[in-house]
Amino acid sequence: MIKSLLSAFLMYSRIPMIQVEWKEENRRYALGWFPLIGAVIGGVLLAWRLFCTYFSVSQFLFAAVAVIIPVLVTGGIHIDGFCDVTDARSSYAEREKRLEIMSDPHIGSFAVIRVCLYLILQTALFSQIDDVRSTAVVSCGYILSRSLSGLSAVTFRCAKKDGTLQDFVRPSYRSVTIAMITVFGASASLLMLFINTIQGLASFAAALVSFWYYRKTAYKEFGGTTGDLCGWFLQICELSVPAAAVFAGIMMEVLL
């Protein structure tokens, strides 16, 4: 269990960890621990919000750093997946060609355009999140997004027989991994609802809609999921959650 935890953080984060040998028995429960990386991101984001509130830091600076935090923690691995999938989908090629494009280490113009628009929109959304409770709801979203992503990795059909994702899926004890992911995801969802029922419900619904869209896209356009698609979904989900929280907050102000 401990070695699987370390393997998850070594692969999906840039947080310094004790090195463990890269072998299957050390990755059996790695995907089950994946949501904990989201907990670290959410914790850092919440701490940054508290700091900004206490020292009256400008909302724009809060938003800019809030967007940077996940990239610093993960090293941008999921944004890389977002870019690869964007290039593949923008090609409108056949399924095999799309999978080939995703494996290409180079980045295309469509990916550059989309990721710039993504970061601008995400910064704008965080500029509207100006209180601790809303930030806490969004912070839980980082756990939920990774819970759903990990769940898809072990339950969705795989589009390729090899790759980084298969290195984690193939040796995993699926029943235990699914149970771990479910506990993390359910805990994050309940916490979101406890912190702010309306914003939590809206954010949870947005995550589920993103998950449905992800599965539909993965099966229709790629024949299943891949590591890049898991990263692409994470980015979509982590844009949808703050968008839902902001929208719900605005509606609460209007109605109340």
C-alpha atoms as a PDB file:
ATOM      1  CA  MET A   1       0.000   0.000   0.000  1.00  0.00           C
ATOM      2  CA  ILE A   2       2.715   2.497   0.961  1.00  0.00           C
ATOM      3  CA  LYS A   3       4.763   1.730  -2.146  1.00  0.00           C
ATOM      4  CA  SER A   4       1.644   2.146  -4.293  1.00  0.00           C
ATOM      5  CA  LEU A   5       1.025   5.510  -2.639  1.00  0.00           C
ATOM      6  CA  LEU A   6       4.585   6.582  -3.384  1.00  0.00           C
ATOM      7  CA  SER A   7       4.284   5.317  -6.981  1.00  0.00           C
ATOM      8  CA  ALA A   8       1.138   7.391  -7.506  1.00  0.00           C
ATOM      9  CA  PHE A   9       2.784  10.575  -6.254  1.00  0.00           C
ATOM     10  CA  LEU A  10       6.009   9.900  -8.166  1.00  0.00           C
ATOM     11  CA  MET A  11       4.070   9.456 -11.406  1.00  0.00           C
ATOM     12  CA  TYR A  12       1.322  12.061 -11.129  1.00  0.00           C
ATOM     13  CA  SER A  13       2.959  14.806  -9.084  1.00  0.00           C
ATOM     14  CA  ARG A  14       6.221  16.673  -8.689  1.00  0.00           C
ATOM     15  CA  ILE A  15       6.166  16.452  -4.912  1.00  0.00           C
ATOM     16  CA  PRO A  16       9.493  15.022  -3.666  1.00  0.00           C
ATOM     17  CA  MET A  17       8.976  11.418  -2.569  1.00  0.00           C
ATOM     18  CA  ILE A  18      11.060   8.423  -1.529  1.00  0.00           C
ATOM     19  CA  GLN A  19      11.987   6.544  -4.708  1.00  0.00           C
ATOM     20  CA  VAL A  20      10.516   3.063  -5.120  1.00  0.00           C
ATOM     21  CA  GLU A  21      11.349   0.440  -7.697  1.00  0.00           C
ATOM     22  CA  TRP A  22       9.248   0.632 -10.878  1.00  0.00           C
ATOM     23  CA  LYS A  23       7.604  -2.792 -10.811  1.00  0.00           C
ATOM     24  CA  GLU A  24       4.039  -4.056 -10.976  1.00  0.00           C
ATOM     25  CA  GLU A  25       3.674  -5.085  -7.342  1.00  0.00           C
ATOM     26  CA  ASN A  26       4.440  -1.494  -6.319  1.00  0.00           C
ATOM     27  CA  ARG A  27       1.594  -0.177  -8.481  1.00  0.00           C
ATOM     28  CA  ARG A  28      -1.261  -2.465  -7.423  1.00  0.00           C
ATOM     29  CA  TYR A  29      -3.140   0.243  -5.531  1.00  0.00           C
ATOM     30  CA  ALA A  30      -1.586   3.342  -7.137  1.00  0.00           C
ATOM     31  CA  LEU A  31      -4.772   4.467  -8.887  1.00  0.00           C
ATOM     32  CA  GLY A  32      -6.640   4.087  -5.610  1.00  0.00           C
ATOM     33  CA  TRP A  33      -4.354   6.719  -4.081  1.00  0.00           C
ATOM     34  CA  PHE A  34      -4.610   9.032  -7.078  1.00  0.00           C
ATOM     35  CA  PRO A  35      -7.305  11.283  -5.465  1.00  0.00           C
ATOM     36  CA  LEU A  36      -4.890  12.187  -2.662  1.00  0.00           C
ATOM     37  CA  ILE A  37      -2.916  14.288  -5.125  1.00  0.00           C
ATOM     38  CA  GLY A  38      -6.119  16.254  -5.638  1.00  0.00           C
ATOM     39  CA  ALA A  39      -6.357  16.642  -1.861  1.00  0.00           C
ATOM     40  CA  VAL A  40      -2.877  18.206  -1.829  1.00  0.00           C
ATOM     41  CA  ILE A  41      -3.859  20.630  -4.618  1.00  0.00           C
ATOM     42  CA  GLY A  42      -7.102  21.499  -2.854  1.00  0.00           C
ATOM     43  CA  GLY A  43      -5.294  22.025   0.449  1.00  0.00           C
ATOM     44  CA  VAL A  44      -2.728  24.353  -1.110  1.00  0.00           C
ATOM     45  CA  LEU A  45      -5.482  26.280  -2.913  1.00  0.00           C
ATOM     46  CA  LEU A  46      -7.460  26.715   0.306  1.00  0.00           C
ATOM     47  CA  ALA A  47      -4.328  27.860   2.161  1.00  0.00           C
ATOM     48  CA  TRP A  48      -3.665  30.385  -0.600  1.00  0.00           C
ATOM     49  CA  ARG A  49      -7.239  31.696  -0.296  1.00  0.00           C
ATOM     50  CA  LEU A  50      -6.850  32.138   3.461  1.00  0.00           C
ATOM     51  CA  PHE A  51      -3.534  33.932   2.937  1.00  0.00           C
ATOM     52  CA  CYS A  52      -5.068  36.261   0.345  1.00  0.00           C
ATOM     53  CA  THR A  53      -8.047  37.021   2.578  1.00  0.00           C
ATOM     54  CA  TYR A  54      -5.903  37.754   5.627  1.00  0.00           C
ATOM     55  CA  PHE A  55      -3.392  39.966   3.800  1.00  0.00           C
ATOM     56  CA  SER A  56      -5.910  41.560   1.399  1.00  0.00           C
ATOM     57  CA  VAL A  57      -4.162  40.237  -1.710  1.00  0.00           C
ATOM     58  CA  SER A  58      -5.853  41.307  -4.940  1.00  0.00           C
ATOM     59  CA  GLN A  59      -8.419  38.967  -6.446  1.00  0.00           C
ATOM     60  CA  PHE A  60      -6.595  38.865  -9.768  1.00  0.00           C
ATOM     61  CA  LEU A  61      -3.371  37.680  -8.111  1.00  0.00           C
ATOM     62  CA  PHE A  62      -5.341  35.042  -6.212  1.00  0.00           C
ATOM     63  CA  ALA A  63      -6.862  33.798  -9.480  1.00  0.00           C
ATOM     64  CA  ALA A  64      -3.540  33.709 -11.322  1.00  0.00           C
ATOM     65  CA  VAL A  65      -1.800  31.691  -8.598  1.00  0.00           C
ATOM     66  CA  ALA A  66      -4.866  29.432  -8.199  1.00  0.00           C
ATOM     67  CA  VAL A  67      -4.470  28.393 -11.838  1.00  0.00           C
ATOM     68  CA  ILE A  68      -0.744  27.820 -11.398  1.00  0.00           C
ATOM     69  CA  ILE A  69      -1.031  25.655  -8.250  1.00  0.00           C
ATOM     70  CA  PRO A  70      -2.226  22.444  -9.995  1.00  0.00           C
ATOM     71  CA  VAL A  71       0.486  22.835 -12.628  1.00  0.00           C
ATOM     72  CA  LEU A  72       3.185  23.213  -9.976  1.00  0.00           C
ATOM     73  CA  VAL A  73       1.942  20.178  -8.031  1.00  0.00           C
ATOM     74  CA  THR A  74       1.476  17.892 -11.058  1.00  0.00           C
ATOM     75  CA  GLY A  75       4.144  19.253 -13.377  1.00  0.00           C
ATOM     76  CA  GLY A  76       1.484  19.812 -16.048  1.00  0.00           C
ATOM     77  CA  ILE A  77       1.077  16.115 -16.889  1.00  0.00           C
ATOM     78  CA  HIS A  78      -2.696  16.433 -17.316  1.00  0.00           C
ATOM     79  CA  ILE A  79      -2.447  19.589 -19.422  1.00  0.00           C
ATOM     80  CA  ASP A  80      -0.149  17.588 -21.680  1.00  0.00           C
ATOM     81  CA  GLY A  81      -2.942  15.029 -22.080  1.00  0.00           C
ATOM     82  CA  PHE A  82      -5.416  17.831 -22.758  1.00  0.00           C
ATOM     83  CA  CYS A  83      -3.186  19.153 -25.537  1.00  0.00           C
ATOM     84  CA  ASP A  84      -2.647  15.714 -27.098  1.00  0.00           C
ATOM     85  CA  VAL A  85      -6.371  14.940 -27.171  1.00  0.00           C
ATOM     86  CA  THR A  86      -7.168  18.405 -28.535  1.00  0.00           C
ATOM     87  CA  ASP A  87      -4.751  17.896 -31.432  1.00  0.00           C
ATOM     88  CA  ALA A  88      -6.157  14.433 -32.123  1.00  0.00           C
ATOM     89  CA  ARG A  89      -9.783  15.569 -32.098  1.00  0.00           C
ATOM     90  CA  SER A  90      -8.995  18.635 -34.201  1.00  0.00           C
ATOM     91  CA  SER A  91      -7.546  16.435 -36.943  1.00  0.00           C
ATOM     92  CA  TYR A  92     -10.945  14.832 -37.703  1.00  0.00           C
ATOM     93  CA  ALA A  93      -8.964  11.802 -38.806  1.00  0.00           C
ATOM     94  CA  GLU A  94      -9.819   8.126 -38.484  1.00  0.00           C
ATOM     95  CA  ARG A  95      -9.644   6.500 -35.045  1.00  0.00           C
ATOM     96  CA  GLU A  96      -6.220   4.896 -35.535  1.00  0.00           C
ATOM     97  CA  LYS A  97      -4.766   8.134 -36.817  1.00  0.00           C
ATOM     98  CA  ARG A  98      -6.143   9.996 -33.794  1.00  0.00           C
ATOM     99  CA  LEU A  99      -4.469   7.540 -31.455  1.00  0.00           C
ATOM    100  CA  GLU A 100      -1.245   7.997 -33.405  1.00  0.00           C
ATOM    101  CA  ILE A 101      -1.482  11.793 -33.115  1.00  0.00           C
ATOM    102  CA  MET A 102      -1.939  11.506 -29.347  1.00  0.00           C
ATOM    103  CA  SER A 103       1.325   9.571 -29.145  1.00  0.00           C
ATOM    104  CA  ASP A 104       3.212  12.301 -31.010  1.00  0.00           C
ATOM    105  CA  PRO A 105       5.340  14.302 -28.498  1.00  0.00           C
ATOM    106  CA  HIS A 106       4.975  17.489 -30.565  1.00  0.00           C
ATOM    107  CA  ILE A 107       2.222  20.023 -29.898  1.00  0.00           C
ATOM    108  CA  GLY A 108      -0.014  21.387 -32.640  1.00  0.00           C
ATOM    109  CA  SER A 109      -1.471  24.859 -33.144  1.00  0.00           C
ATOM    110  CA  PHE A 110      -4.970  23.785 -32.121  1.00  0.00           C
ATOM    111  CA  ALA A 111      -3.695  22.578 -28.748  1.00  0.00           C
ATOM    112  CA  VAL A 112      -1.839  25.846 -28.152  1.00  0.00           C
ATOM    113  CA  ILE A 113      -4.947  27.884 -28.940  1.00  0.00           C
ATOM    114  CA  ARG A 114      -7.239  25.746 -26.772  1.00  0.00           C
ATOM    115  CA  VAL A 115      -4.937  25.605 -23.768  1.00  0.00           C
ATOM    116  CA  CYS A 116      -4.490  29.395 -23.852  1.00  0.00           C
ATOM    117  CA  LEU A 117      -8.258  29.875 -23.952  1.00  0.00           C
ATOM    118  CA  TYR A 118      -8.636  27.293 -21.185  1.00  0.00           C
ATOM    119  CA  LEU A 119      -6.207  29.070 -18.846  1.00  0.00           C
ATOM    120  CA  ILE A 120      -7.750  32.472 -19.544  1.00  0.00           C
ATOM    121  CA  LEU A 121     -11.236  31.176 -18.763  1.00  0.00           C
ATOM    122  CA  GLN A 122     -10.049  29.353 -15.659  1.00  0.00           C
ATOM    123  CA  THR A 123      -8.345  32.517 -14.389  1.00  0.00           C
ATOM    124  CA  ALA A 124     -11.534  34.490 -15.003  1.00  0.00           C
ATOM    125  CA  LEU A 125     -13.581  31.952 -13.044  1.00  0.00           C
ATOM    126  CA  PHE A 126     -11.190  31.998 -10.079  1.00  0.00           C
ATOM    127  CA  SER A 127     -11.351  35.779 -10.076  1.00  0.00           C
ATOM    128  CA  GLN A 128     -15.004  35.351  -9.094  1.00  0.00           C
ATOM    129  CA  ILE A 129     -14.272  32.981  -6.214  1.00  0.00           C
ATOM    130  CA  ASP A 130     -13.613  35.460  -3.438  1.00  0.00           C
ATOM    131  CA  ASP A 131     -14.575  33.646  -0.233  1.00  0.00           C
ATOM    132  CA  VAL A 132     -13.256  30.667   1.712  1.00  0.00           C
ATOM    133  CA  ARG A 133     -16.382  28.496   1.449  1.00  0.00           C
ATOM    134  CA  SER A 134     -16.555  28.696  -2.348  1.00  0.00           C
ATOM    135  CA  THR A 135     -12.844  27.978  -2.544  1.00  0.00           C
ATOM    136  CA  ALA A 136     -13.314  24.950  -0.291  1.00  0.00           C
ATOM    137  CA  VAL A 137     -16.009  23.598  -2.606  1.00  0.00           C
ATOM    138  CA  VAL A 138     -13.725  23.970  -5.620  1.00  0.00           C
ATOM    139  CA  SER A 139     -10.850  22.419  -3.656  1.00  0.00           C
ATOM    140  CA  CYS A 140     -12.930  19.279  -3.114  1.00  0.00           C
ATOM    141  CA  GLY A 141     -13.413  19.183  -6.878  1.00  0.00           C
ATOM    142  CA  TYR A 142      -9.737  18.263  -7.335  1.00  0.00           C
ATOM    143  CA  ILE A 143     -10.328  15.108  -5.295  1.00  0.00           C
ATOM    144  CA  LEU A 144     -13.559  14.290  -7.115  1.00  0.00           C
ATOM    145  CA  SER A 145     -12.055  14.787 -10.584  1.00  0.00           C
ATOM    146  CA  ARG A 146      -9.212  12.390  -9.806  1.00  0.00           C
ATOM    147  CA  SER A 147     -11.615   9.888  -8.282  1.00  0.00           C
ATOM    148  CA  LEU A 148     -13.672   9.867 -11.477  1.00  0.00           C
ATOM    149  CA  SER A 149     -10.559   9.752 -13.642  1.00  0.00           C
ATOM    150  CA  GLY A 150      -9.166   6.812 -11.684  1.00  0.00           C
ATOM    151  CA  LEU A 151     -12.547   5.075 -11.844  1.00  0.00           C
ATOM    152  CA  SER A 152     -12.603   5.429 -15.620  1.00  0.00           C
ATOM    153  CA  ALA A 153      -9.084   4.007 -15.869  1.00  0.00           C
ATOM    154  CA  VAL A 154     -10.084   0.728 -14.224  1.00  0.00           C
ATOM    155  CA  THR A 155     -13.635   0.407 -15.587  1.00  0.00           C
ATOM    156  CA  PHE A 156     -13.651   1.892 -19.112  1.00  0.00           C
ATOM    157  CA  ARG A 157     -12.546  -0.052 -22.155  1.00  0.00           C
ATOM    158  CA  CYS A 158      -8.937   0.785 -23.049  1.00  0.00           C
ATOM    159  CA  ALA A 159      -8.249   2.119 -26.522  1.00  0.00           C
ATOM    160  CA  LYS A 160      -4.682   0.772 -26.558  1.00  0.00           C
ATOM    161  CA  LYS A 161      -3.085  -2.422 -25.293  1.00  0.00           C
ATOM    162  CA  ASP A 162      -0.011  -0.633 -24.003  1.00  0.00           C
ATOM    163  CA  GLY A 163       0.999   2.757 -22.672  1.00  0.00           C
ATOM    164  CA  THR A 164       1.473   4.491 -19.314  1.00  0.00           C
ATOM    165  CA  LEU A 165      -2.132   3.977 -18.264  1.00  0.00           C
ATOM    166  CA  GLN A 166      -1.855   0.234 -18.810  1.00  0.00           C
ATOM    167  CA  ASP A 167       1.245   0.200 -16.607  1.00  0.00           C
ATOM    168  CA  PHE A 168      -1.056   1.190 -13.731  1.00  0.00           C
ATOM    169  CA  VAL A 169      -4.269  -0.597 -14.763  1.00  0.00           C
ATOM    170  CA  ARG A 170      -2.835  -4.017 -15.611  1.00  0.00           C
ATOM    171  CA  PRO A 171      -1.293  -4.813 -12.189  1.00  0.00           C
ATOM    172  CA  SER A 172      -4.055  -3.138 -10.153  1.00  0.00           C
ATOM    173  CA  TYR A 173      -6.324  -5.045  -7.777  1.00  0.00           C
ATOM    174  CA  ARG A 174      -9.487  -3.660  -9.316  1.00  0.00           C
ATOM    175  CA  SER A 175     -11.990  -4.384  -6.547  1.00  0.00           C
ATOM    176  CA  VAL A 176      -9.801  -2.753  -3.890  1.00  0.00           C
ATOM    177  CA  THR A 177      -8.863   0.127  -6.203  1.00  0.00           C
ATOM    178  CA  ILE A 178     -12.504   0.836  -7.065  1.00  0.00           C
ATOM    179  CA  ALA A 179     -13.433   0.725  -3.365  1.00  0.00           C
ATOM    180  CA  MET A 180     -10.651   3.211  -2.495  1.00  0.00           C
ATOM    181  CA  ILE A 181     -11.625   5.555  -5.325  1.00  0.00           C
ATOM    182  CA  THR A 182     -15.296   5.381  -4.362  1.00  0.00           C
ATOM    183  CA  VAL A 183     -14.530   6.290  -0.747  1.00  0.00           C
ATOM    184  CA  PHE A 184     -12.423   9.287  -1.779  1.00  0.00           C
ATOM    185  CA  GLY A 185     -14.962  10.462  -4.369  1.00  0.00           C
ATOM    186  CA  ALA A 186     -17.960  10.044  -2.077  1.00  0.00           C
ATOM    187  CA  SER A 187     -16.161  11.816   0.791  1.00  0.00           C
ATOM    188  CA  ALA A 188     -15.257  14.761  -1.444  1.00  0.00           C
ATOM    189  CA  SER A 189     -18.830  14.985  -2.765  1.00  0.00           C
ATOM    190  CA  LEU A 190     -20.388  14.920   0.699  1.00  0.00           C
ATOM    191  CA  LEU A 191     -17.912  17.520   1.928  1.00  0.00           C
ATOM    192  CA  MET A 192     -18.816  19.798  -0.981  1.00  0.00           C
ATOM    193  CA  LEU A 193     -22.492  19.531  -0.052  1.00  0.00           C
ATOM    194  CA  PHE A 194     -21.745  20.123   3.630  1.00  0.00           C
ATOM    195  CA  ILE A 195     -19.680  23.257   2.959  1.00  0.00           C
ATOM    196  CA  ASN A 196     -22.238  24.863   0.665  1.00  0.00           C
ATOM    197  CA  THR A 197     -25.250  22.814  -0.405  1.00  0.00           C
ATOM    198  CA  ILE A 198     -26.158  24.818  -3.513  1.00  0.00           C
ATOM    199  CA  GLN A 199     -22.645  25.321  -4.841  1.00  0.00           C
ATOM    200  CA  GLY A 200     -21.696  21.784  -3.848  1.00  0.00           C
ATOM    201  CA  LEU A 201     -24.676  20.285  -5.656  1.00  0.00           C
ATOM    202  CA  ALA A 202     -24.008  22.368  -8.773  1.00  0.00           C
ATOM    203  CA  SER A 203     -20.316  21.413  -8.768  1.00  0.00           C
ATOM    204  CA  PHE A 204     -21.091  17.725  -8.234  1.00  0.00           C
ATOM    205  CA  ALA A 205     -23.579  17.787 -11.108  1.00  0.00           C
ATOM    206  CA  ALA A 206     -21.026  19.526 -13.347  1.00  0.00           C
ATOM    207  CA  ALA A 207     -18.461  16.823 -12.554  1.00  0.00           C
ATOM    208  CA  LEU A 208     -20.944  14.073 -13.456  1.00  0.00           C
ATOM    209  CA  VAL A 209     -21.889  15.790 -16.730  1.00  0.00           C
ATOM    210  CA  SER A 210     -18.186  16.113 -17.565  1.00  0.00           C
ATOM    211  CA  PHE A 211     -17.731  12.430 -16.790  1.00  0.00           C
ATOM    212  CA  TRP A 212     -20.629  11.479 -19.088  1.00  0.00           C
ATOM    213  CA  TYR A 213     -19.216  13.662 -21.884  1.00  0.00           C
ATOM    214  CA  TYR A 214     -15.786  12.105 -21.377  1.00  0.00           C
ATOM    215  CA  ARG A 215     -17.077   8.556 -21.691  1.00  0.00           C
ATOM    216  CA  LYS A 216     -19.142   9.414 -24.754  1.00  0.00           C
ATOM    217  CA  THR A 217     -16.196  11.105 -26.468  1.00  0.00           C
ATOM    218  CA  ALA A 218     -13.684   8.399 -25.527  1.00  0.00           C
ATOM    219  CA  TYR A 219     -15.796   5.524 -26.839  1.00  0.00           C
ATOM    220  CA  LYS A 220     -17.104   7.275 -29.940  1.00  0.00           C
ATOM    221  CA  GLU A 221     -13.913   8.922 -31.151  1.00  0.00           C
ATOM    222  CA  PHE A 222     -11.143   6.697 -29.735  1.00  0.00           C
ATOM    223  CA  GLY A 223     -12.734   3.333 -28.975  1.00  0.00           C
ATOM    224  CA  GLY A 224     -11.990   3.636 -25.269  1.00  0.00           C
ATOM    225  CA  THR A 225      -9.847   5.562 -22.865  1.00  0.00           C
ATOM    226  CA  THR A 226      -6.105   6.268 -22.663  1.00  0.00           C
ATOM    227  CA  GLY A 227      -3.834   8.108 -20.264  1.00  0.00           C
ATOM    228  CA  ASP A 228      -4.132  11.257 -22.370  1.00  0.00           C
ATOM    229  CA  LEU A 229      -7.927  11.057 -22.308  1.00  0.00           C
ATOM    230  CA  CYS A 230      -7.881  10.684 -18.531  1.00  0.00           C
ATOM    231  CA  GLY A 231      -5.818  13.893 -18.361  1.00  0.00           C
ATOM    232  CA  TRP A 232      -8.107  15.633 -20.837  1.00  0.00           C
ATOM    233  CA  PHE A 233     -11.106  14.737 -18.687  1.00  0.00           C
ATOM    234  CA  LEU A 234      -9.386  16.046 -15.550  1.00  0.00           C
ATOM    235  CA  GLN A 235      -8.895  19.428 -17.171  1.00  0.00           C
ATOM    236  CA  ILE A 236     -12.491  19.557 -18.420  1.00  0.00           C
ATOM    237  CA  CYS A 237     -13.816  18.579 -15.001  1.00  0.00           C
ATOM    238  CA  GLU A 238     -11.586  21.065 -13.195  1.00  0.00           C
ATOM    239  CA  LEU A 239     -12.934  23.830 -15.397  1.00  0.00           C
ATOM    240  CA  SER A 240     -16.555  22.724 -15.027  1.00  0.00           C
ATOM    241  CA  VAL A 241     -16.486  22.585 -11.210  1.00  0.00           C
ATOM    242  CA  PRO A 242     -15.455  26.229 -10.599  1.00  0.00           C
ATOM    243  CA  ALA A 243     -17.774  27.326 -13.427  1.00  0.00           C
ATOM    244  CA  ALA A 244     -20.693  25.615 -11.693  1.00  0.00           C
ATOM    245  CA  ALA A 245     -19.675  27.039  -8.312  1.00  0.00           C
ATOM    246  CA  VAL A 246     -19.486  30.569  -9.708  1.00  0.00           C
ATOM    247  CA  PHE A 247     -22.818  30.242 -11.524  1.00  0.00           C
ATOM    248  CA  ALA A 248     -24.518  28.828  -8.422  1.00  0.00           C
ATOM    249  CA  GLY A 249     -23.069  31.644  -6.316  1.00  0.00           C
ATOM    250  CA  ILE A 250     -24.411  34.280  -8.721  1.00  0.00           C
ATOM    251  CA  MET A 251     -27.864  32.651  -8.759  1.00  0.00           C
ATOM    252  CA  MET A 252     -27.900  32.552  -4.946  1.00  0.00           C
ATOM    253  CA  GLU A 253     -27.165  36.286  -4.803  1.00  0.00           C
ATOM    254  CA  VAL A 254     -29.867  37.062  -7.360  1.00  0.00           C
ATOM    255  CA  LEU A 255     -32.547  34.915  -5.724  1.00  0.00           C
ATOM    256  CA  LEU A 256     -31.720  35.736  -2.120  1.00  0.00           C
END
